[in-house]
Amino acid sequence: MRPKPSRRKAWLTHGATAFVALMVGTGIGNSGDSGSTDSTAAPAPAVTVTKTAAAQGGEPKPAVTVTQKVTVTPKPAKKPGPATTVEGEGQYLVGEDMQAGTYKTAGAAKGSFIKNCYWARTKDASGEFEAIIANENLKGQGRVTVNKGEYFETKGCQEWTKVG
């Protein structure tokens, strides 16, 4: 009859086995290729193609496996253009800050003390009275059409959204 191993020896044996298994698992998990660390471009996805060559002749031979690594480069994203919505107060250059076209608003900003919305189309950003092409104080909904090269100024209005 064999003597029963001590509890301490059993714990050490099982603990050492668990630790070795953990280290092996960690090594396997970290063995993948991490790719480039260049932060200027996203890593390109890699595609692996495996082809098995057929045996030639009458004699059976082990199949040859050919592995080819293909790198796919994604197309660059389109550069964002001018916005189709205008939020908040400010002066916007049409064609650069916002697209040309017809915009609408629901009226004065919610919670504002004065219940009106002011907009102006201007020839330049000078702020001079002579630069104003058209302007209006809205009590409710409103629309305005702006052209490329003009400036659009808005105060106390809800969001302007392009509708045409």
Foldseek 3Di string as FASTA:
>chain_A
DDDDDDPVVVCVVVVVVVVVVVVVVVCVVPVDDPDDPDPPDDAFDKDKDWDWDADDDDDDDDIDIDIDIDTDDDDDDDDDFADQKDAAFDKAADRHNHDFAKKKFQAFDPPDPDQWKKKFKFQDDPPDPVRTPDMDIHNGMDMDGHDHNIMMGIHRTGMIGHDD
